[in-house]
Amino acid sequence: MAADTRVVVVGAGIAGVRLVEALRAADFGGSLTVIDADVELPYDRPPLSKEFLTGVFDEDDVRVWTADRAADLQVDLRLGTAAVGLDAARTRLAVRRADGSADELAYDRLVLATGVVARRPAGLFGHHGVHVLGSLADARSLRDRLRAGPGRLVVVGGGFIGGEVAASAAEHGLDVTIVEAGTHLLPGVLTSGLARPLERLHQAMGVRVLCGTPAARVLGADTAEAVELADGTRLPADAVLVGLGGAPETSWLRHSGLNLSDGIVVDEYLRTSAEDVYAIGDTARWRDGRTGALVRLQHWESALRQGAYVARSLLGADKPYHDVPYIWTDQHGARLQIAGSADGDEVYFAYGGPEDDAYLALVRRGPHLAGVIALGGGREFNRLRRTLAALPAWESVVAGVPGS
């Protein structure tokens, strides 16, 4: 890129932050503008459901940029500024500030890192005391409720956020119930056997786990008093956390001409269908070079890598993007880690199993190792994780695992 190139980044999450840092680290001297509808200085999201809620971290601990850091990076950081439209033919981005005023930003390269917005199903919202956890402001509100003392929290959704918030609330002494519509926790990620030890861990720590019946509505006058399930069961609640995942933040791109399908579809270089426009992070949907499938990963590690990758691409690198998904969750002091895919043709337990408190599981797809999952432990998991990019042969991997 030329020294006077104007790079505009939409989104100040970890993907956008890493992109900017990588460009400056490579001595890019052009202008960098970062906009975000959030009014907060950039912060890290994974601790919001864990260390921030429990009080281990304060707000300074979750910040990834201070105002001084942004100044050192020579970033024009425009917070409280939302992207509302894109005219790719004119290379112009329409924005609206928090005060309602509108503007246009010209760019030479545009990177979209808008992330996701929390899903809000009808029937579960409209009462005080109902929370989501998508931002620092959301985390503040939920933390204040947890600190208010004993009470009853119903967590709707047994995914990563739901499980982490349930564990944090139990640590605060609340009476906690997780409601999951699927047959087990993390139904879109794990099989029932892989999820069973995590469910037992919650129950051992006093958290009730109700699976198989979705939440239908929140009851109460103005403030949440109960959650009613689809079968009519009513769960008393002083607070409700709805953790049903997030949808890609692409509504503002509806008339942009970009290829949108469960996110922003990009090619193997993370380029959108518009020239000089890239997408990274939770909203980018790209084709996995190993499997050929279109994937969209809502993973912190992937967002970090994609930001660094596009920075290199902008500076002239031309290697296609490759990624082995990796995600972790910490609940009640135990860590669950997943590398690659948890969905395959066979699951083999190298040690432990559904009835144990810890395990290492290998996932086969066809003749290859497709994924590794560990609850507790880590050394052998890390070794196998490093092999996944090469799609190693299943039989040789299993034969080489200690204890097999």
Protein backbone atom coordinates (compact mmCIF):
# COMPACT_ATOMS: atom_id res chain seq x y z
CA MET A 1 0.00 0.00 0.00
CA ALA A 2 1.11 3.53 -0.69
CA ALA A 3 2.13 5.74 2.21
CA ASP A 4 -1.02 7.84 1.86
CA THR A 5 -3.45 4.88 1.77
CA ARG A 6 -6.56 5.39 3.88
CA VAL A 7 -7.63 2.28 5.80
CA VAL A 8 -10.99 2.35 7.56
CA VAL A 9 -11.96 -0.40 10.02
CA VAL A 10 -15.55 -0.93 11.13
CA GLY A 11 -15.46 -2.55 14.55
CA ALA A 12 -13.12 -2.11 17.53
CA GLY A 13 -13.26 -5.71 18.75
CA ILE A 14 -10.23 -7.95 18.90
CA ALA A 15 -10.16 -8.53 15.11
CA GLY A 16 -10.08 -4.83 14.28
CA VAL A 17 -7.62 -4.04 17.07
CA ARG A 18 -5.23 -6.76 15.96
CA LEU A 19 -5.38 -5.56 12.35
CA VAL A 20 -4.40 -2.04 13.36
CA GLU A 21 -1.60 -3.20 15.64
CA ALA A 22 -0.19 -5.49 12.96
CA LEU A 23 -0.22 -2.72 10.35
CA ARG A 24 1.62 -0.30 12.60
CA ALA A 25 4.07 -3.00 13.71
CA ALA A 26 4.91 -3.46 10.01
CA ASP A 27 5.56 0.31 9.71
CA PHE A 28 2.45 1.11 7.69
CA GLY A 29 2.40 4.91 7.57
CA GLY A 30 -1.00 5.59 6.05
CA SER A 31 -4.08 6.79 7.89
CA LEU A 32 -6.03 4.41 10.12
CA THR A 33 -9.60 5.14 11.17
CA VAL A 34 -11.53 2.81 13.45
CA ILE A 35 -15.23 3.33 14.10
CA ASP A 36 -17.49 1.51 16.53
CA ALA A 37 -21.05 2.10 17.69
CA ASP A 38 -19.95 1.26 21.24
CA VAL A 39 -18.87 4.29 23.27
CA GLU A 40 -16.31 2.27 25.23
CA LEU A 41 -12.60 2.14 24.52
CA PRO A 42 -11.77 -1.26 22.97
CA TYR A 43 -12.07 -4.14 25.42
CA ASP A 44 -11.66 -7.91 25.48
CA ARG A 45 -14.92 -9.88 25.55
CA PRO A 46 -14.02 -13.38 26.88
CA PRO A 47 -13.51 -12.17 30.49
CA LEU A 48 -16.92 -10.47 30.57
CA SER A 49 -18.72 -13.72 31.41
CA LYS A 50 -16.05 -14.94 33.80
CA GLU A 51 -13.38 -12.87 35.59
CA PHE A 52 -15.23 -9.56 35.19
CA LEU A 53 -18.45 -10.95 36.66
CA THR A 54 -16.69 -12.61 39.58
CA GLY A 55 -14.62 -9.51 40.39
CA VAL A 56 -11.21 -10.99 39.57
CA PHE A 57 -10.89 -8.38 36.78
CA ASP A 58 -11.93 -4.76 36.84
CA GLU A 59 -12.53 -2.55 33.81
CA ASP A 60 -8.85 -1.70 33.39
CA ASP A 61 -8.08 -5.42 33.14
CA VAL A 62 -10.42 -5.95 30.18
CA ARG A 63 -9.30 -2.88 28.20
CA VAL A 64 -7.13 -3.67 25.19
CA TRP A 65 -6.53 -0.01 24.28
CA THR A 66 -6.32 3.05 26.44
CA ALA A 67 -6.71 6.49 24.86
CA ASP A 68 -2.92 6.85 25.07
CA ARG A 69 -2.41 3.54 23.27
CA ALA A 70 -4.72 4.60 20.45
CA ALA A 71 -2.78 7.87 20.18
CA ASP A 72 0.53 6.00 20.07
CA LEU A 73 -0.81 3.91 17.20
CA GLN A 74 -1.93 7.10 15.43
CA VAL A 75 -5.46 5.82 15.14
CA ASP A 76 -8.42 8.07 14.48
CA LEU A 77 -10.69 6.22 16.92
CA ARG A 78 -14.33 7.25 16.52
CA LEU A 79 -16.43 5.68 19.24
CA GLY A 80 -20.19 6.03 19.40
CA THR A 81 -20.16 6.03 15.60
CA ALA A 82 -22.15 3.39 13.73
CA ALA A 83 -21.73 2.33 10.11
CA VAL A 84 -25.13 2.63 8.41
CA GLY A 85 -24.39 2.16 4.72
CA LEU A 86 -21.72 1.29 2.15
CA ASP A 87 -21.32 2.63 -1.37
CA ALA A 88 -18.51 0.41 -2.64
CA ALA A 89 -18.56 1.95 -6.13
CA ARG A 90 -17.75 5.37 -4.65
CA THR A 91 -15.57 3.91 -1.84
CA ARG A 92 -17.64 5.72 0.74
CA LEU A 93 -18.88 4.56 4.14
CA ALA A 94 -21.96 6.21 5.61
CA VAL A 95 -21.86 6.65 9.39
CA ARG A 96 -24.10 8.04 12.10
CA ARG A 97 -22.82 9.43 15.39
CA ALA A 98 -24.44 8.96 18.77
CA ASP A 99 -25.86 12.49 18.58
CA GLY A 100 -27.72 11.57 15.38
CA SER A 101 -25.51 13.48 12.97
CA ALA A 102 -24.45 11.75 9.75
CA ASP A 103 -21.23 11.72 7.75
CA GLU A 104 -19.35 9.89 5.02
CA LEU A 105 -15.86 8.43 5.24
CA ALA A 106 -13.75 7.89 2.14
CA TYR A 107 -11.46 4.88 2.12
CA ASP A 108 -8.87 3.13 -0.02
CA ARG A 109 -9.19 -0.13 1.91
CA LEU A 110 -12.15 -1.03 4.10
CA VAL A 111 -12.18 -3.83 6.69
CA LEU A 112 -15.50 -4.95 8.18
CA ALA A 113 -15.20 -6.38 11.70
CA THR A 114 -18.67 -5.70 13.07
CA GLY A 115 -19.08 -8.97 14.99
CA VAL A 116 -22.46 -10.23 16.13
CA VAL A 117 -25.44 -8.97 18.09
CA ALA A 118 -27.13 -11.00 20.82
CA ARG A 119 -30.29 -12.82 19.75
CA ARG A 120 -33.45 -11.53 21.46
CA PRO A 121 -36.36 -13.93 20.87
CA ALA A 122 -39.85 -12.54 21.22
CA GLY A 123 -41.42 -13.36 24.58
CA LEU A 124 -38.20 -13.23 26.56
CA PHE A 125 -37.73 -9.45 26.56
CA GLY A 126 -39.68 -6.45 27.77
CA HIS A 127 -39.13 -6.89 31.52
CA HIS A 128 -36.60 -5.32 33.84
CA GLY A 129 -34.12 -7.88 35.06
CA VAL A 130 -33.66 -9.62 31.71
CA HIS A 131 -30.05 -9.45 30.55
CA VAL A 132 -27.92 -10.32 27.54
CA LEU A 133 -24.13 -10.32 27.51
CA GLY A 134 -22.76 -8.76 24.36
CA SER A 135 -20.98 -5.66 25.59
CA LEU A 136 -19.15 -4.16 28.54
CA ALA A 137 -22.28 -2.20 29.43
CA ASP A 138 -24.25 -5.47 29.51
CA ALA A 139 -21.59 -7.03 31.75
CA ARG A 140 -21.72 -4.08 34.16
CA SER A 141 -25.48 -4.42 34.49
CA LEU A 142 -25.29 -8.17 35.09
CA ARG A 143 -22.37 -7.84 37.50
CA ASP A 144 -24.31 -5.29 39.57
CA ARG A 145 -27.21 -7.74 39.80
CA LEU A 146 -24.94 -10.57 40.91
CA ARG A 147 -23.33 -8.36 43.53
CA ALA A 148 -26.73 -7.39 44.92
CA GLY A 149 -26.73 -10.63 46.85
CA PRO A 150 -28.57 -13.95 46.94
CA GLY A 151 -31.34 -14.43 44.45
CA ARG A 152 -32.56 -16.70 41.69
CA LEU A 153 -30.99 -16.51 38.24
CA VAL A 154 -32.40 -18.39 35.27
CA VAL A 155 -29.97 -18.77 32.39
CA VAL A 156 -31.69 -19.37 29.06
CA GLY A 157 -29.26 -21.21 26.80
CA GLY A 158 -26.68 -23.83 27.64
CA GLY A 159 -23.93 -22.64 25.31
CA PHE A 160 -20.57 -21.17 26.24
CA ILE A 161 -21.91 -17.84 27.54
CA GLY A 162 -24.74 -19.48 29.45
CA GLY A 163 -22.46 -21.98 31.16
CA GLU A 164 -19.85 -19.37 32.06
CA VAL A 165 -22.41 -16.94 33.48
CA ALA A 166 -24.04 -19.76 35.46
CA ALA A 167 -20.68 -20.67 36.99
CA SER A 168 -19.93 -17.02 37.82
CA ALA A 169 -23.37 -16.53 39.39
CA ALA A 170 -23.02 -19.69 41.47
CA GLU A 171 -19.73 -18.32 42.79
CA HIS A 172 -21.66 -15.23 43.91
CA GLY A 173 -24.05 -17.46 45.87
CA LEU A 174 -27.06 -17.20 43.58
CA ASP A 175 -29.54 -20.00 43.04
CA VAL A 176 -28.93 -20.81 39.35
CA THR A 177 -30.85 -22.81 36.78
CA ILE A 178 -29.73 -23.38 33.18
CA VAL A 179 -32.53 -23.98 30.66
CA GLU A 180 -31.39 -25.56 27.39
CA ALA A 181 -33.81 -26.45 24.59
CA GLY A 182 -31.51 -29.17 23.29
CA THR A 183 -31.01 -32.57 24.88
CA HIS A 184 -27.72 -31.54 26.55
CA LEU A 185 -25.43 -28.57 27.16
CA LEU A 186 -23.52 -27.18 24.16
CA PRO A 187 -25.82 -29.07 21.76
CA GLY A 188 -24.47 -27.37 18.64
CA VAL A 189 -20.91 -28.23 19.59
CA LEU A 190 -20.67 -31.47 21.57
CA THR A 191 -22.34 -34.87 21.57
CA SER A 192 -24.30 -35.80 24.67
CA GLY A 193 -21.46 -38.02 25.89
CA LEU A 194 -18.91 -35.23 25.61
CA ALA A 195 -21.25 -32.79 27.39
CA ARG A 196 -22.20 -35.11 30.26
CA PRO A 197 -19.16 -34.44 32.49
CA LEU A 198 -19.74 -30.69 32.16
CA GLU A 199 -23.37 -31.11 33.19
CA ARG A 200 -22.33 -33.14 36.24
CA LEU A 201 -19.82 -30.44 37.16
CA HIS A 202 -22.56 -27.78 37.14
CA GLN A 203 -24.81 -29.96 39.23
CA ALA A 204 -22.03 -30.69 41.73
CA MET A 205 -21.60 -26.92 42.16
CA GLY A 206 -25.31 -26.44 42.86
CA VAL A 207 -26.47 -25.37 39.39
CA ARG A 208 -29.65 -27.04 38.11
CA VAL A 209 -29.50 -28.11 34.46
CA LEU A 210 -32.82 -28.53 32.64
CA CYS A 211 -32.50 -29.79 29.08
CA GLY A 212 -35.02 -30.71 26.43
CA THR A 213 -37.60 -27.95 26.88
CA PRO A 214 -37.19 -24.39 25.56
CA ALA A 215 -38.03 -21.23 27.47
CA ALA A 216 -41.27 -19.74 26.14
CA ARG A 217 -41.65 -16.42 27.93
CA VAL A 218 -40.71 -14.27 30.90
CA LEU A 219 -43.49 -13.55 33.39
CA GLY A 220 -44.01 -10.52 35.60
CA ALA A 221 -45.55 -7.08 35.61
CA ASP A 222 -42.63 -4.77 34.82
CA THR A 223 -39.85 -6.84 36.39
CA ALA A 224 -39.03 -10.48 35.64
CA GLU A 225 -40.55 -12.81 38.22
CA ALA A 226 -40.41 -16.19 36.47
CA VAL A 227 -39.50 -17.98 33.27
CA GLU A 228 -42.19 -20.20 31.77
CA LEU A 229 -41.03 -23.18 29.73
CA ALA A 230 -42.83 -24.55 26.68
CA ASP A 231 -44.31 -27.38 28.78
CA GLY A 232 -45.82 -24.91 31.26
CA THR A 233 -43.17 -25.29 33.98
CA ARG A 234 -42.56 -22.02 35.79
CA LEU A 235 -39.14 -21.21 37.24
CA PRO A 236 -39.10 -18.34 39.77
CA ALA A 237 -36.48 -15.76 38.82
CA ASP A 238 -35.12 -12.52 40.21
CA ALA A 239 -33.01 -12.12 37.08
CA VAL A 240 -32.76 -13.78 33.67
CA LEU A 241 -29.76 -14.10 31.39
CA VAL A 242 -30.60 -14.88 27.77
CA GLY A 243 -27.56 -16.48 26.17
CA LEU A 244 -28.76 -17.80 22.83
CA GLY A 245 -25.81 -16.81 20.71
CA GLY A 246 -25.39 -13.94 18.29
CA ALA A 247 -26.42 -13.07 14.75
CA PRO A 248 -23.97 -11.43 12.31
CA GLU A 249 -24.24 -7.65 12.34
CA THR A 250 -24.95 -7.18 8.63
CA SER A 251 -28.36 -5.44 8.48
CA TRP A 252 -26.70 -2.15 7.56
CA LEU A 253 -25.15 -3.82 4.49
CA ARG A 254 -28.46 -4.98 3.02
CA HIS A 255 -28.21 -2.59 0.05
CA SER A 256 -24.43 -2.66 -0.32
CA GLY A 257 -24.23 -5.34 -3.01
CA LEU A 258 -22.01 -7.53 -0.83
CA ASN A 259 -22.62 -11.27 -0.79
CA LEU A 260 -24.46 -11.82 2.50
CA SER A 261 -25.41 -15.26 3.76
CA ASP A 262 -25.23 -15.93 7.50
CA GLY A 263 -22.57 -13.24 7.62
CA ILE A 264 -20.40 -11.61 4.98
CA VAL A 265 -19.17 -14.17 2.46
CA VAL A 266 -15.49 -13.78 1.66
CA ASP A 267 -13.00 -15.64 -0.52
CA GLU A 268 -9.87 -17.51 0.53
CA TYR A 269 -8.13 -14.16 1.08
CA LEU A 270 -10.99 -12.81 3.27
CA ARG A 271 -11.99 -10.40 0.50
CA THR A 272 -15.66 -9.57 0.04
CA SER A 273 -17.39 -9.36 -3.32
CA ALA A 274 -16.54 -5.63 -3.45
CA GLU A 275 -13.08 -4.47 -4.47
CA ASP A 276 -10.79 -3.40 -1.61
CA VAL A 277 -13.32 -4.46 1.04
CA TYR A 278 -12.43 -7.25 3.50
CA ALA A 279 -14.34 -8.90 6.34
CA ILE A 280 -12.85 -10.49 9.47
CA GLY A 281 -13.96 -11.87 12.80
CA ASP A 282 -17.34 -13.22 13.86
CA THR A 283 -19.19 -11.86 10.83
CA ALA A 284 -16.89 -13.27 8.11
CA ARG A 285 -17.97 -16.50 6.37
CA TRP A 286 -15.16 -18.14 4.45
CA ARG A 287 -14.47 -21.44 2.72
CA ASP A 288 -12.37 -23.84 4.76
CA GLY A 289 -9.54 -25.01 2.51
CA ARG A 290 -9.35 -28.33 4.37
CA THR A 291 -12.99 -29.35 4.13
CA GLY A 292 -14.43 -27.09 1.41
CA ALA A 293 -17.27 -26.01 3.71
CA LEU A 294 -18.36 -22.41 4.28
CA VAL A 295 -17.73 -21.60 7.92
CA ARG A 296 -18.25 -18.63 10.23
CA LEU A 297 -16.33 -18.88 13.47
CA GLN A 298 -17.36 -16.90 16.55
CA HIS A 299 -14.02 -17.62 18.19
CA TRP A 300 -11.64 -15.15 19.81
CA GLU A 301 -8.57 -16.93 18.45
CA SER A 302 -9.90 -16.90 14.89
CA ALA A 303 -10.75 -13.19 15.09
CA LEU A 304 -7.22 -12.48 16.29
CA ARG A 305 -5.63 -14.48 13.48
CA GLN A 306 -7.86 -12.99 10.80
CA GLY A 307 -6.95 -9.46 11.86
CA ALA A 308 -3.25 -10.23 11.59
CA TYR A 309 -3.76 -12.08 8.29
CA VAL A 310 -5.57 -9.21 6.56
CA ALA A 311 -2.90 -6.79 7.76
CA ARG A 312 -0.31 -8.93 5.98
CA SER A 313 -2.53 -9.14 2.90
CA LEU A 314 -2.92 -5.37 2.75
CA LEU A 315 0.86 -5.10 2.85
CA GLY A 316 1.35 -7.50 -0.06
CA ALA A 317 1.21 -11.08 1.23
CA ASP A 318 -0.70 -13.40 -1.12
CA LYS A 319 -1.11 -16.73 0.70
CA PRO A 320 -4.70 -17.97 1.21
CA TYR A 321 -6.08 -17.89 4.73
CA HIS A 322 -6.11 -21.16 6.67
CA ASP A 323 -7.44 -21.70 10.15
CA VAL A 324 -7.88 -24.58 12.55
CA PRO A 325 -10.71 -23.47 14.83
CA TYR A 326 -9.90 -23.32 18.53
CA ILE A 327 -12.19 -22.39 21.39
CA TRP A 328 -12.13 -22.80 25.14
CA THR A 329 -14.42 -22.22 28.09
CA ASP A 330 -13.68 -22.05 31.81
CA GLN A 331 -16.52 -23.16 34.10
CA HIS A 332 -16.27 -23.92 37.82
CA GLY A 333 -12.48 -24.04 37.58
CA ALA A 334 -12.41 -26.61 34.75
CA ARG A 335 -11.33 -25.84 31.18
CA LEU A 336 -12.95 -27.37 28.11
CA GLN A 337 -10.92 -26.97 24.90
CA ILE A 338 -11.93 -27.79 21.35
CA ALA A 339 -9.60 -27.67 18.34
CA GLY A 340 -10.77 -28.41 14.83
CA SER A 341 -14.21 -29.97 14.51
CA ALA A 342 -16.22 -31.70 17.22
CA ASP A 343 -18.55 -33.11 14.57
CA GLY A 344 -17.38 -36.26 12.80
CA ASP A 345 -17.93 -39.92 12.07
CA GLU A 346 -16.41 -41.29 15.29
CA VAL A 347 -15.31 -40.12 18.72
CA TYR A 348 -12.47 -41.98 20.42
CA PHE A 349 -11.56 -41.35 24.06
CA ALA A 350 -7.79 -41.50 24.49
CA TYR A 351 -8.42 -41.28 28.22
CA GLY A 352 -11.45 -40.66 30.38
CA GLY A 353 -14.96 -40.69 28.99
CA PRO A 354 -18.57 -39.62 29.53
CA GLU A 355 -18.60 -40.88 33.12
CA ASP A 356 -15.26 -39.29 34.09
CA ASP A 357 -14.45 -35.80 35.29
CA ALA A 358 -11.72 -35.30 32.65
CA TYR A 359 -11.12 -36.69 29.18
CA LEU A 360 -9.22 -36.37 25.92
CA ALA A 361 -11.36 -37.18 22.88
CA LEU A 362 -10.34 -37.48 19.24
CA VAL A 363 -12.80 -36.90 16.40
CA ARG A 364 -12.55 -38.75 13.10
CA ARG A 365 -13.99 -37.60 9.80
CA GLY A 366 -13.33 -40.05 7.00
CA PRO A 367 -9.73 -41.28 7.25
CA HIS A 368 -8.44 -38.19 9.06
CA LEU A 369 -8.21 -36.68 12.53
CA ALA A 370 -10.68 -33.77 12.37
CA GLY A 371 -10.74 -32.53 15.95
CA VAL A 372 -9.46 -32.83 19.49
CA ILE A 373 -11.48 -32.12 22.63
CA ALA A 374 -10.17 -32.00 26.19
CA LEU A 375 -11.87 -31.42 29.51
CA GLY A 376 -9.08 -30.80 31.98
CA GLY A 377 -5.44 -31.55 31.18
CA GLY A 378 -3.74 -30.02 28.18
CA ARG A 379 -0.27 -31.26 27.14
CA GLU A 380 -1.41 -34.04 24.81
CA PHE A 381 -4.28 -31.84 23.58
CA ASN A 382 -1.81 -29.10 22.59
CA ARG A 383 0.41 -31.58 20.75
CA LEU A 384 -2.50 -32.97 18.74
CA ARG A 385 -3.91 -29.52 18.07
CA ARG A 386 -0.70 -28.60 16.28
CA THR A 387 -1.14 -31.54 13.89
CA LEU A 388 -4.68 -30.73 12.75
CA ALA A 389 -3.78 -28.37 9.90
CA ALA A 390 -2.16 -31.27 8.05
CA LEU A 391 -5.26 -33.52 8.40
CA PRO A 392 -3.24 -36.42 9.83
CA ALA A 393 -4.24 -40.02 9.21
CA TRP A 394 -6.60 -41.30 11.89
CA GLU A 395 -5.00 -44.68 12.44
CA SER A 396 -1.50 -43.29 12.92
CA VAL A 397 -2.73 -40.65 15.36
CA VAL A 398 -4.68 -43.11 17.49
CA ALA A 399 -1.76 -45.51 17.54
CA GLY A 400 0.55 -42.76 18.78
CA VAL A 401 -1.63 -41.48 21.64
CA PRO A 402 -0.39 -42.59 25.08
CA GLY A 403 -2.73 -45.17 26.57
CA SER A 404 -4.30 -46.17 23.26
